[in-house]
């Protein structure tokens, strides 16, 4: 698994779903990582978008995951993007933490 590949996002999606109940949470904790979610939206006559920024902070690393949802003026989806960035710490430590979480979710 590498940060940003399909398997990475499958694990991240399962972990981040902890904050997307009926009433989305903006802060929660998973196994020593504090997660924080911010959501930004715009809706206009010709287009709209929602950007969701979720940041995980561990004592040794920080990971930012961004999801973008773009719509046309009728509200139809035109493009969805997702990307991740290591803000601090080592990629290998983050991948190892994610692998442990994946095993725990099974």
PDB file of N, CA and C in Angstrom:
ATOM      1  N   UNK A   1       0.841  -1.175   0.000  1.00  0.00           N
ATOM      2  CA  UNK A   1       0.000   0.000   0.000  1.00  0.00           C
ATOM      3  C   UNK A   1       0.890   1.243   0.000  1.00  0.00           C
ATOM      4  N   UNK A   2       0.461   2.228  -0.772  1.00  0.00           N
ATOM      5  CA  UNK A   2       1.144   3.518  -0.791  1.00  0.00           C
ATOM      6  C   UNK A   2       0.126   4.611  -0.501  1.00  0.00           C
ATOM      7  N   UNK A   3       0.592   5.704   0.075  1.00  0.00           N
ATOM      8  CA  UNK A   3      -0.311   6.812   0.366  1.00  0.00           C
ATOM      9  C   UNK A   3      -0.856   7.362  -0.944  1.00  0.00           C
ATOM     10  N   UNK A   4      -2.173   7.397  -1.057  1.00  0.00           N
ATOM     11  CA  UNK A   4      -2.827   7.912  -2.250  1.00  0.00           C
ATOM     12  C   UNK A   4      -3.303   6.862  -3.222  1.00  0.00           C
ATOM     13  N   UNK A   5      -2.945   5.577  -3.026  1.00  0.00           N
ATOM     14  CA  UNK A   5      -3.436   4.568  -3.965  1.00  0.00           C
ATOM     15  C   UNK A   5      -4.822   4.073  -3.528  1.00  0.00           C
ATOM     16  N   UNK A   6      -5.409   3.228  -4.341  1.00  0.00           N
ATOM     17  CA  UNK A   6      -6.787   2.783  -4.091  1.00  0.00           C
ATOM     18  C   UNK A   6      -6.935   2.057  -2.757  1.00  0.00           C
ATOM     19  N   UNK A   7      -5.983   1.192  -2.409  1.00  0.00           N
ATOM     20  CA  UNK A   7      -6.096   0.463  -1.137  1.00  0.00           C
ATOM     21  C   UNK A   7      -5.974   1.426   0.049  1.00  0.00           C
ATOM     22  N   UNK A   8      -5.143   2.449  -0.089  1.00  0.00           N
ATOM     23  CA  UNK A   8      -5.030   3.465   0.950  1.00  0.00           C
ATOM     24  C   UNK A   8      -6.393   4.115   1.198  1.00  0.00           C
ATOM     25  N   UNK A   9      -7.056   4.556   0.134  1.00  0.00           N
ATOM     26  CA  UNK A   9      -8.334   5.240   0.307  1.00  0.00           C
ATOM     27  C   UNK A   9      -9.440   4.312   0.789  1.00  0.00           C
ATOM     28  N   UNK A  10      -9.376   3.026   0.457  1.00  0.00           N
ATOM     29  CA  UNK A  10     -10.377   2.085   0.996  1.00  0.00           C
ATOM     30  C   UNK A  10     -10.279   2.017   2.514  1.00  0.00           C
ATOM     31  N   UNK A  11      -9.056   1.929   3.029  1.00  0.00           N
ATOM     32  CA  UNK A  11      -8.866   1.884   4.486  1.00  0.00           C
ATOM     33  C   UNK A  11      -9.258   3.214   5.111  1.00  0.00           C
ATOM     34  N   UNK A  12      -8.784   4.306   4.535  1.00  0.00           N
ATOM     35  CA  UNK A  12      -9.094   5.634   5.080  1.00  0.00           C
ATOM     36  C   UNK A  12     -10.597   5.865   5.095  1.00  0.00           C
ATOM     37  N   UNK A  13     -11.299   5.505   4.035  1.00  0.00           N
ATOM     38  CA  UNK A  13     -12.750   5.687   3.994  1.00  0.00           C
ATOM     39  C   UNK A  13     -13.440   4.945   5.134  1.00  0.00           C
ATOM     40  N   UNK A  14     -12.997   3.733   5.406  1.00  0.00           N
ATOM     41  CA  UNK A  14     -13.597   2.964   6.506  1.00  0.00           C
ATOM     42  C   UNK A  14     -13.311   3.624   7.853  1.00  0.00           C
ATOM     43  N   UNK A  15     -12.102   4.125   8.033  1.00  0.00           N
ATOM     44  CA  UNK A  15     -11.750   4.784   9.296  1.00  0.00           C
ATOM     45  C   UNK A  15     -12.486   6.105   9.461  1.00  0.00           C
ATOM     46  N   UNK A  16     -12.560   6.886   8.392  1.00  0.00           N
ATOM     47  CA  UNK A  16     -13.185   8.200   8.492  1.00  0.00           C
ATOM     48  C   UNK A  16     -14.699   8.107   8.609  1.00  0.00           C
ATOM     49  N   UNK A  17     -15.266   6.964   8.270  1.00  0.00           N
ATOM     50  CA  UNK A  17     -16.709   6.824   8.417  1.00  0.00           C
ATOM     51  C   UNK A  17     -17.130   6.930   9.876  1.00  0.00           C
ATOM     52  N   UNK A  18     -16.173   6.799  10.795  1.00  0.00           N
ATOM     53  CA  UNK A  18     -16.480   6.984  12.218  1.00  0.00           C
ATOM     54  C   UNK A  18     -16.994   8.392  12.479  1.00  0.00           C
ATOM     55  N   UNK A  19     -16.627   9.340  11.647  1.00  0.00           N
ATOM     56  CA  UNK A  19     -17.070  10.717  11.837  1.00  0.00           C
ATOM     57  C   UNK A  19     -18.229  11.107  10.952  1.00  0.00           C
ATOM     58  N   UNK A  20     -18.820  10.139  10.221  1.00  0.00           N
ATOM     59  CA  UNK A  20     -19.903  10.497   9.300  1.00  0.00           C
ATOM     60  C   UNK A  20     -21.199   9.775   9.645  1.00  0.00           C
ATOM     61  N   UNK A  21     -21.603   9.891  10.864  1.00  0.00           N
ATOM     62  CA  UNK A  21     -22.897   9.346  11.259  1.00  0.00           C
ATOM     63  C   UNK A  21     -23.969  10.325  10.787  1.00  0.00           C
ATOM     64  N   UNK A  22     -25.212  10.133  11.203  1.00  0.00           N
ATOM     65  CA  UNK A  22     -26.273  11.056  10.811  1.00  0.00           C
ATOM     66  C   UNK A  22     -25.923  12.507  11.127  1.00  0.00           C
ATOM     67  N   UNK A  23     -25.330  12.719  12.264  1.00  0.00           N
ATOM     68  CA  UNK A  23     -24.836  14.041  12.632  1.00  0.00           C
ATOM     69  C   UNK A  23     -23.317  13.964  12.539  1.00  0.00           C
ATOM     70  N   UNK A  24     -22.752  14.418  11.414  1.00  0.00           N
ATOM     71  CA  UNK A  24     -21.298  14.289  11.242  1.00  0.00           C
ATOM     72  C   UNK A  24     -20.514  14.935  12.381  1.00  0.00           C
ATOM     73  N   UNK A  25     -19.518  14.226  12.829  1.00  0.00           N
ATOM     74  CA  UNK A  25     -18.657  14.743  13.892  1.00  0.00           C
ATOM     75  C   UNK A  25     -17.524  15.519  13.262  1.00  0.00           C
ATOM     76  N   UNK A  26     -17.027  16.505  13.976  1.00  0.00           N
ATOM     77  CA  UNK A  26     -15.901  17.272  13.470  1.00  0.00           C
ATOM     78  C   UNK A  26     -14.606  16.852  14.141  1.00  0.00           C
ATOM     79  N   UNK A  27     -14.690  16.129  15.270  1.00  0.00           N
ATOM     80  CA  UNK A  27     -13.492  15.651  15.965  1.00  0.00           C
ATOM     81  C   UNK A  27     -13.766  14.281  16.565  1.00  0.00           C
ATOM     82  N   UNK A  28     -12.787  13.393  16.432  1.00  0.00           N
ATOM     83  CA  UNK A  28     -12.863  12.088  17.059  1.00  0.00           C
ATOM     84  C   UNK A  28     -11.462  11.509  17.137  1.00  0.00           C
ATOM     85  N   UNK A  29     -11.299  10.413  17.855  1.00  0.00           N
ATOM     86  CA  UNK A  29      -9.991   9.805  18.076  1.00  0.00           C
ATOM     87  C   UNK A  29     -10.053   8.322  17.728  1.00  0.00           C
ATOM     88  N   UNK A  30      -8.983   7.844  17.079  1.00  0.00           N
ATOM     89  CA  UNK A  30      -8.850   6.422  16.767  1.00  0.00           C
ATOM     90  C   UNK A  30      -7.421   6.006  17.096  1.00  0.00           C
ATOM     91  N   UNK A  31      -7.260   5.132  18.065  1.00  0.00           N
ATOM     92  CA  UNK A  31      -5.971   4.504  18.363  1.00  0.00           C
ATOM     93  C   UNK A  31      -4.795   5.492  18.375  1.00  0.00           C
ATOM     94  N   UNK A  32      -4.937   6.552  19.167  1.00  0.00           N
ATOM     95  CA  UNK A  32      -3.849   7.510  19.326  1.00  0.00           C
ATOM     96  C   UNK A  32      -3.765   8.595  18.268  1.00  0.00           C
ATOM     97  N   UNK A  33      -4.715   8.617  17.339  1.00  0.00           N
ATOM     98  CA  UNK A  33      -4.733   9.654  16.303  1.00  0.00           C
ATOM     99  C   UNK A  33      -5.984  10.510  16.498  1.00  0.00           C
ATOM    100  N   UNK A  34      -5.761  11.810  16.609  1.00  0.00           N
ATOM    101  CA  UNK A  34      -6.866  12.762  16.733  1.00  0.00           C
ATOM    102  C   UNK A  34      -7.248  13.230  15.333  1.00  0.00           C
ATOM    103  N   UNK A  35      -8.520  13.024  14.969  1.00  0.00           N
ATOM    104  CA  UNK A  35      -9.022  13.402  13.644  1.00  0.00           C
ATOM    105  C   UNK A  35      -9.872  14.656  13.752  1.00  0.00           C
ATOM    106  N   UNK A  36      -9.754  15.511  12.755  1.00  0.00           N
ATOM    107  CA  UNK A  36     -10.489  16.773  12.697  1.00  0.00           C
ATOM    108  C   UNK A  36     -11.009  16.934  11.266  1.00  0.00           C
ATOM    109  N   UNK A  37     -12.302  17.217  11.109  1.00  0.00           N
ATOM    110  CA  UNK A  37     -12.901  17.362   9.777  1.00  0.00           C
ATOM    111  C   UNK A  37     -13.456  18.772   9.603  1.00  0.00           C
ATOM    112  N   UNK A  38     -13.144  19.357   8.452  1.00  0.00           N
ATOM    113  CA  UNK A  38     -13.719  20.641   8.054  1.00  0.00           C
ATOM    114  C   UNK A  38     -14.375  20.448   6.695  1.00  0.00           C
ATOM    115  N   UNK A  39     -15.498  21.125   6.503  1.00  0.00           N
ATOM    116  CA  UNK A  39     -16.206  21.009   5.234  1.00  0.00           C
ATOM    117  C   UNK A  39     -16.487  22.407   4.698  1.00  0.00           C
ATOM    118  N   UNK A  40     -16.189  22.610   3.426  1.00  0.00           N
ATOM    119  CA  UNK A  40     -16.392  23.901   2.784  1.00  0.00           C
ATOM    120  C   UNK A  40     -17.245  23.667   1.544  1.00  0.00           C
ATOM    121  N   UNK A  41     -18.288  24.494   1.358  1.00  0.00           N
ATOM    122  CA  UNK A  41     -19.189  24.307   0.220  1.00  0.00           C
ATOM    123  C   UNK A  41     -19.498  25.627  -0.465  1.00  0.00           C
ATOM    124  N   UNK A  42     -19.811  25.524  -1.748  1.00  0.00           N
ATOM    125  CA  UNK A  42     -20.262  26.661  -2.538  1.00  0.00           C
ATOM    126  C   UNK A  42     -21.298  26.136  -3.513  1.00  0.00           C
ATOM    127  N   UNK A  43     -22.360  26.892  -3.704  1.00  0.00           N
ATOM    128  CA  UNK A  43     -23.371  26.519  -4.676  1.00  0.00           C
ATOM    129  C   UNK A  43     -23.758  27.768  -5.459  1.00  0.00           C
ATOM    130  N   UNK A  44     -23.557  27.724  -6.775  1.00  0.00           N
ATOM    131  CA  UNK A  44     -23.891  28.852  -7.637  1.00  0.00           C
ATOM    132  C   UNK A  44     -24.799  28.412  -8.765  1.00  0.00           C
ATOM    133  N   UNK A  45     -25.083  29.334  -9.679  1.00  0.00           N
ATOM    134  CA  UNK A  45     -25.991  29.052 -10.790  1.00  0.00           C
ATOM    135  C   UNK A  45     -25.408  28.049 -11.774  1.00  0.00           C
ATOM    136  N   UNK A  46     -24.088  28.069 -11.958  1.00  0.00           N
ATOM    137  CA  UNK A  46     -23.488  27.198 -12.974  1.00  0.00           C
ATOM    138  C   UNK A  46     -22.687  26.038 -12.405  1.00  0.00           C
ATOM    139  N   UNK A  47     -22.330  26.109 -11.137  1.00  0.00           N
ATOM    140  CA  UNK A  47     -21.559  25.017 -10.543  1.00  0.00           C
ATOM    141  C   UNK A  47     -21.598  25.114  -9.016  1.00  0.00           C
ATOM    142  N   UNK A  48     -21.156  24.053  -8.396  1.00  0.00           N
ATOM    143  CA  UNK A  48     -21.039  24.018  -6.942  1.00  0.00           C
ATOM    144  C   UNK A  48     -19.984  22.999  -6.568  1.00  0.00           C
ATOM    145  N   UNK A  49     -19.507  23.099  -5.354  1.00  0.00           N
ATOM    146  CA  UNK A  49     -18.524  22.124  -4.894  1.00  0.00           C
ATOM    147  C   UNK A  49     -18.572  22.005  -3.380  1.00  0.00           C
ATOM    148  N   UNK A  50     -18.105  20.883  -2.919  1.00  0.00           N
ATOM    149  CA  UNK A  50     -17.895  20.644  -1.500  1.00  0.00           C
ATOM    150  C   UNK A  50     -16.489  20.084  -1.364  1.00  0.00           C
ATOM    151  N   UNK A  51     -15.741  20.650  -0.453  1.00  0.00           N
ATOM    152  CA  UNK A  51     -14.406  20.151  -0.168  1.00  0.00           C
ATOM    153  C   UNK A  51     -14.381  19.744   1.294  1.00  0.00           C
ATOM    154  N   UNK A  52     -14.011  18.510   1.536  1.00  0.00           N
ATOM    155  CA  UNK A  52     -13.926  17.980   2.891  1.00  0.00           C
ATOM    156  C   UNK A  52     -12.457  17.716   3.211  1.00  0.00           C
ATOM    157  N   UNK A  53     -11.964  18.368   4.241  1.00  0.00           N
ATOM    158  CA  UNK A  53     -10.563  18.241   4.640  1.00  0.00           C
ATOM    159  C   UNK A  53     -10.526  17.550   5.993  1.00  0.00           C
ATOM    160  N   UNK A  54      -9.911  16.393   6.057  1.00  0.00           N
ATOM    161  CA  UNK A  54      -9.805  15.638   7.301  1.00  0.00           C
ATOM    162  C   UNK A  54      -8.324  15.482   7.628  1.00  0.00           C
ATOM    163  N   UNK A  55      -7.966  15.845   8.856  1.00  0.00           N
ATOM    164  CA  UNK A  55      -6.574  15.808   9.278  1.00  0.00           C
ATOM    165  C   UNK A  55      -6.430  14.868  10.466  1.00  0.00           C
ATOM    166  N   UNK A  56      -5.487  13.948  10.364  1.00  0.00           N
ATOM    167  CA  UNK A  56      -5.168  13.038  11.465  1.00  0.00           C
ATOM    168  C   UNK A  56      -3.830  13.430  12.062  1.00  0.00           C
ATOM    169  N   UNK A  57      -3.815  13.660  13.379  1.00  0.00           N
ATOM    170  CA  UNK A  57      -2.589  14.070  14.060  1.00  0.00           C
ATOM    171  C   UNK A  57      -2.214  13.015  15.090  1.00  0.00           C
ATOM    172  N   UNK A  58      -1.041  12.455  14.905  1.00  0.00           N
ATOM    173  CA  UNK A  58      -0.449  11.487  15.818  1.00  0.00           C
ATOM    174  C   UNK A  58       0.744  12.182  16.460  1.00  0.00           C
ATOM    175  N   UNK A  59       1.269  11.655  17.534  1.00  0.00           N
ATOM    176  CA  UNK A  59       2.434  12.267  18.182  1.00  0.00           C
ATOM    177  C   UNK A  59       3.633  12.360  17.232  1.00  0.00           C
ATOM    178  N   UNK A  60       3.702  11.437  16.258  1.00  0.00           N
ATOM    179  CA  UNK A  60       4.877  11.395  15.376  1.00  0.00           C
ATOM    180  C   UNK A  60       4.595  11.794  13.931  1.00  0.00           C
ATOM    181  N   UNK A  61       3.316  11.995  13.560  1.00  0.00           N
ATOM    182  CA  UNK A  61       3.011  12.333  12.173  1.00  0.00           C
ATOM    183  C   UNK A  61       1.671  13.055  12.040  1.00  0.00           C
ATOM    184  N   UNK A  62       1.482  13.687  10.890  1.00  0.00           N
ATOM    185  CA  UNK A  62       0.225  14.349  10.549  1.00  0.00           C
ATOM    186  C   UNK A  62      -0.117  14.009   9.110  1.00  0.00           C
ATOM    187  N   UNK A  63      -1.360  13.579   8.897  1.00  0.00           N
ATOM    188  CA  UNK A  63      -1.842  13.200   7.574  1.00  0.00           C
ATOM    189  C   UNK A  63      -3.077  14.029   7.242  1.00  0.00           C
ATOM    190  N   UNK A  64      -3.106  14.609   6.051  1.00  0.00           N
ATOM    191  CA  UNK A  64      -4.271  15.367   5.590  1.00  0.00           C
ATOM    192  C   UNK A  64      -4.885  14.626   4.407  1.00  0.00           C
ATOM    193  N   UNK A  65      -6.203  14.409   4.469  1.00  0.00           N
ATOM    194  CA  UNK A  65      -6.946  13.749   3.395  1.00  0.00           C
ATOM    195  C   UNK A  65      -7.991  14.734   2.894  1.00  0.00           C
ATOM    196  N   UNK A  66      -8.007  14.963   1.578  1.00  0.00           N
ATOM    197  CA  UNK A  66      -8.926  15.931   0.979  1.00  0.00           C
ATOM    198  C   UNK A  66      -9.801  15.224  -0.038  1.00  0.00           C
ATOM    199  N   UNK A  67     -11.101  15.491   0.052  1.00  0.00           N
ATOM    200  CA  UNK A  67     -12.060  14.960  -0.914  1.00  0.00           C
ATOM    201  C   UNK A  67     -12.824  16.137  -1.505  1.00  0.00           C
ATOM    202  N   UNK A  68     -12.894  16.180  -2.825  1.00  0.00           N
ATOM    203  CA  UNK A  68     -13.573  17.256  -3.530  1.00  0.00           C
ATOM    204  C   UNK A  68     -14.737  16.664  -4.321  1.00  0.00           C
ATOM    205  N   UNK A  69     -15.893  17.292  -4.215  1.00  0.00           N
ATOM    206  CA  UNK A  69     -17.088  16.866  -4.946  1.00  0.00           C
ATOM    207  C   UNK A  69     -17.584  18.068  -5.747  1.00  0.00           C
ATOM    208  N   UNK A  70     -17.568  17.969  -7.075  1.00  0.00           N
ATOM    209  CA  UNK A  70     -17.958  19.057  -7.966  1.00  0.00           C
ATOM    210  C   UNK A  70     -19.281  18.717  -8.651  1.00  0.00           C
ATOM    211  N   UNK A  71     -20.141  19.738  -8.799  1.00  0.00           N
ATOM    212  CA  UNK A  71     -21.458  19.565  -9.411  1.00  0.00           C
ATOM    213  C   UNK A  71     -21.708  20.667 -10.437  1.00  0.00           C
ATOM    214  N   UNK A  72     -22.571  20.373 -11.401  1.00  0.00           N
ATOM    215  CA  UNK A  72     -22.969  21.419 -12.343  1.00  0.00           C
ATOM    216  C   UNK A  72     -24.138  22.208 -11.750  1.00  0.00           C
ATOM    217  N   UNK A  73     -24.682  23.150 -12.501  1.00  0.00           N
ATOM    218  CA  UNK A  73     -25.758  24.011 -12.009  1.00  0.00           C
ATOM    219  C   UNK A  73     -27.044  23.271 -11.666  1.00  0.00           C
ATOM    220  N   UNK A  74     -27.222  22.076 -12.208  1.00  0.00           N
ATOM    221  CA  UNK A  74     -28.405  21.256 -11.900  1.00  0.00           C
ATOM    222  C   UNK A  74     -28.186  20.347 -10.703  1.00  0.00           C
ATOM    223  N   UNK A  75     -26.973  20.377 -10.146  1.00  0.00           N
ATOM    224  CA  UNK A  75     -26.658  19.526  -9.000  1.00  0.00           C
ATOM    225  C   UNK A  75     -26.111  18.166  -9.367  1.00  0.00           C
ATOM    226  N   UNK A  76     -25.890  17.935 -10.666  1.00  0.00           N
ATOM    227  CA  UNK A  76     -25.344  16.657 -11.123  1.00  0.00           C
ATOM    228  C   UNK A  76     -23.834  16.625 -10.897  1.00  0.00           C
ATOM    229  N   UNK A  77     -23.334  15.498 -10.456  1.00  0.00           N
ATOM    230  CA  UNK A  77     -21.902  15.343 -10.212  1.00  0.00           C
ATOM    231  C   UNK A  77     -21.125  15.467 -11.519  1.00  0.00           C
ATOM    232  N   UNK A  78     -20.069  16.281 -11.493  1.00  0.00           N
ATOM    233  CA  UNK A  78     -19.222  16.419 -12.685  1.00  0.00           C
ATOM    234  C   UNK A  78     -17.828  15.851 -12.452  1.00  0.00           C
ATOM    235  N   UNK A  79     -17.389  15.856 -11.208  1.00  0.00           N
ATOM    236  CA  UNK A  79     -16.060  15.326 -10.922  1.00  0.00           C
ATOM    237  C   UNK A  79     -15.895  15.153  -9.422  1.00  0.00           C
ATOM    238  N   UNK A  80     -15.304  14.043  -9.029  1.00  0.00           N
ATOM    239  CA  UNK A  80     -14.952  13.785  -7.634  1.00  0.00           C
ATOM    240  C   UNK A  80     -13.453  13.489  -7.588  1.00  0.00           C
ATOM    241  N   UNK A  81     -12.757  14.124  -6.670  1.00  0.00           N
ATOM    242  CA  UNK A  81     -11.320  13.931  -6.515  1.00  0.00           C
ATOM    243  C   UNK A  81     -11.007  13.610  -5.067  1.00  0.00           C
ATOM    244  N   UNK A  82      -9.939  12.894  -4.856  1.00  0.00           N
ATOM    245  CA  UNK A  82      -9.437  12.671  -3.501  1.00  0.00           C
ATOM    246  C   UNK A  82      -7.929  12.594  -3.550  1.00  0.00           C
ATOM    247  N   UNK A  83      -7.307  13.147  -2.518  1.00  0.00           N
ATOM    248  CA  UNK A  83      -5.860  13.112  -2.441  1.00  0.00           C
ATOM    249  C   UNK A  83      -5.446  13.199  -0.987  1.00  0.00           C
ATOM    250  N   UNK A  84      -4.209  12.846  -0.730  1.00  0.00           N
ATOM    251  CA  UNK A  84      -3.687  12.848   0.637  1.00  0.00           C
ATOM    252  C   UNK A  84      -2.281  13.433   0.630  1.00  0.00           C
ATOM    253  N   UNK A  85      -1.924  14.023   1.768  1.00  0.00           N
ATOM    254  CA  UNK A  85      -0.602  14.637   1.889  1.00  0.00           C
ATOM    255  C   UNK A  85      -0.074  14.399   3.301  1.00  0.00           C
ATOM    256  N   UNK A  86       1.164  13.972   3.400  1.00  0.00           N
ATOM    257  CA  UNK A  86       1.817  13.822   4.693  1.00  0.00           C
ATOM    258  C   UNK A  86       2.350  15.188   5.087  1.00  0.00           C
ATOM    259  N   UNK A  87       1.791  15.767   6.141  1.00  0.00           N
ATOM    260  CA  UNK A  87       2.203  17.089   6.605  1.00  0.00           C
ATOM    261  C   UNK A  87       3.455  17.010   7.476  1.00  0.00           C
ATOM    262  N   UNK A  88       3.582  15.930   8.228  1.00  0.00           N
ATOM    263  CA  UNK A  88       4.736  15.759   9.122  1.00  0.00           C
ATOM    264  C   UNK A  88       4.931  14.271   9.375  1.00  0.00           C
ATOM    265  N   UNK A  89       6.161  13.880   9.650  1.00  0.00           N
ATOM    266  CA  UNK A  89       6.467  12.490   9.974  1.00  0.00           C
ATOM    267  C   UNK A  89       6.761  11.657   8.748  1.00  0.00           C
ATOM    268  N   UNK A  90       6.879  10.363   8.993  1.00  0.00           N
ATOM    269  CA  UNK A  90       7.267   9.452   7.928  1.00  0.00           C
ATOM    270  C   UNK A  90       6.102   8.695   7.330  1.00  0.00           C
ATOM    271  N   UNK A  91       6.137   8.540   6.021  1.00  0.00           N
ATOM    272  CA  UNK A  91       5.103   7.792   5.308  1.00  0.00           C
ATOM    273  C   UNK A  91       5.010   6.348   5.806  1.00  0.00           C
ATOM    274  N   UNK A  92       6.154   5.735   6.069  1.00  0.00           N
ATOM    275  CA  UNK A  92       6.161   4.327   6.489  1.00  0.00           C
ATOM    276  C   UNK A  92       5.394   4.149   7.800  1.00  0.00           C
ATOM    277  N   UNK A  93       5.550   5.059   8.732  1.00  0.00           N
ATOM    278  CA  UNK A  93       4.824   4.964  10.006  1.00  0.00           C
ATOM    279  C   UNK A  93       3.322   5.087   9.796  1.00  0.00           C
ATOM    280  N   UNK A  94       2.927   5.978   8.907  1.00  0.00           N
ATOM    281  CA  UNK A  94       1.500   6.156   8.633  1.00  0.00           C
ATOM    282  C   UNK A  94       0.933   4.900   7.988  1.00  0.00           C
ATOM    283  N   UNK A  95       1.648   4.351   7.016  1.00  0.00           N
ATOM    284  CA  UNK A  95       1.195   3.125   6.351  1.00  0.00           C
ATOM    285  C   UNK A  95       1.092   1.978   7.352  1.00  0.00           C
ATOM    286  N   UNK A  96       2.056   1.844   8.244  1.00  0.00           N
ATOM    287  CA  UNK A  96       2.000   0.788   9.259  1.00  0.00           C
ATOM    288  C   UNK A  96       0.791   0.977  10.174  1.00  0.00           C
ATOM    289  N   UNK A  97       0.512   2.207  10.581  1.00  0.00           N
ATOM    290  CA  UNK A  97      -0.655   2.486  11.426  1.00  0.00           C
ATOM    291  C   UNK A  97      -1.930   2.100  10.685  1.00  0.00           C
ATOM    292  N   UNK A  98      -2.019   2.469   9.407  1.00  0.00           N
ATOM    293  CA  UNK A  98      -3.197   2.134   8.614  1.00  0.00           C
ATOM    294  C   UNK A  98      -3.362   0.628   8.460  1.00  0.00           C
ATOM    295  N   UNK A  99      -2.285  -0.101   8.259  1.00  0.00           N
ATOM    296  CA  UNK A  99      -2.347  -1.556   8.156  1.00  0.00           C
ATOM    297  C   UNK A  99      -2.856  -2.178   9.456  1.00  0.00           C
ATOM    298  N   UNK A 100      -2.405  -1.654  10.594  1.00  0.00           N
ATOM    299  CA  UNK A 100      -2.921  -2.150  11.888  1.00  0.00           C
ATOM    300  C   UNK A 100      -4.422  -1.899  12.004  1.00  0.00           C
ATOM    301  N   UNK A 101      -4.863  -0.733  11.545  1.00  0.00           N
ATOM    302  CA  UNK A 101      -6.282  -0.413  11.614  1.00  0.00           C
ATOM    303  C   UNK A 101      -7.088  -1.315  10.699  1.00  0.00           C
ATOM    304  N   UNK A 102      -6.527  -1.617   9.533  1.00  0.00           N
ATOM    305  CA  UNK A 102      -7.209  -2.503   8.589  1.00  0.00           C
ATOM    306  C   UNK A 102      -7.406  -3.890   9.196  1.00  0.00           C
ATOM    307  N   UNK A 103      -6.358  -4.403   9.848  1.00  0.00           N
ATOM    308  CA  UNK A 103      -6.475  -5.710  10.500  1.00  0.00           C
ATOM    309  C   UNK A 103      -7.530  -5.664  11.609  1.00  0.00           C
ATOM    310  N   UNK A 104      -7.595  -4.560  12.349  1.00  0.00           N
ATOM    311  CA  UNK A 104      -8.562  -4.429  13.438  1.00  0.00           C
ATOM    312  C   UNK A 104      -9.998  -4.346  12.908  1.00  0.00           C
ATOM    313  N   UNK A 105     -10.176  -3.818  11.693  1.00  0.00           N
ATOM    314  CA  UNK A 105     -11.507  -3.681  11.112  1.00  0.00           C
ATOM    315  C   UNK A 105     -12.038  -4.999  10.556  1.00  0.00           C
ATOM    316  N   UNK A 106     -11.156  -5.958  10.317  1.00  0.00           N
ATOM    317  CA  UNK A 106     -11.576  -7.224   9.712  1.00  0.00           C
ATOM    318  C   UNK A 106     -12.342  -8.089  10.664  1.00  0.00           C
TER     319      UNK A 106
END
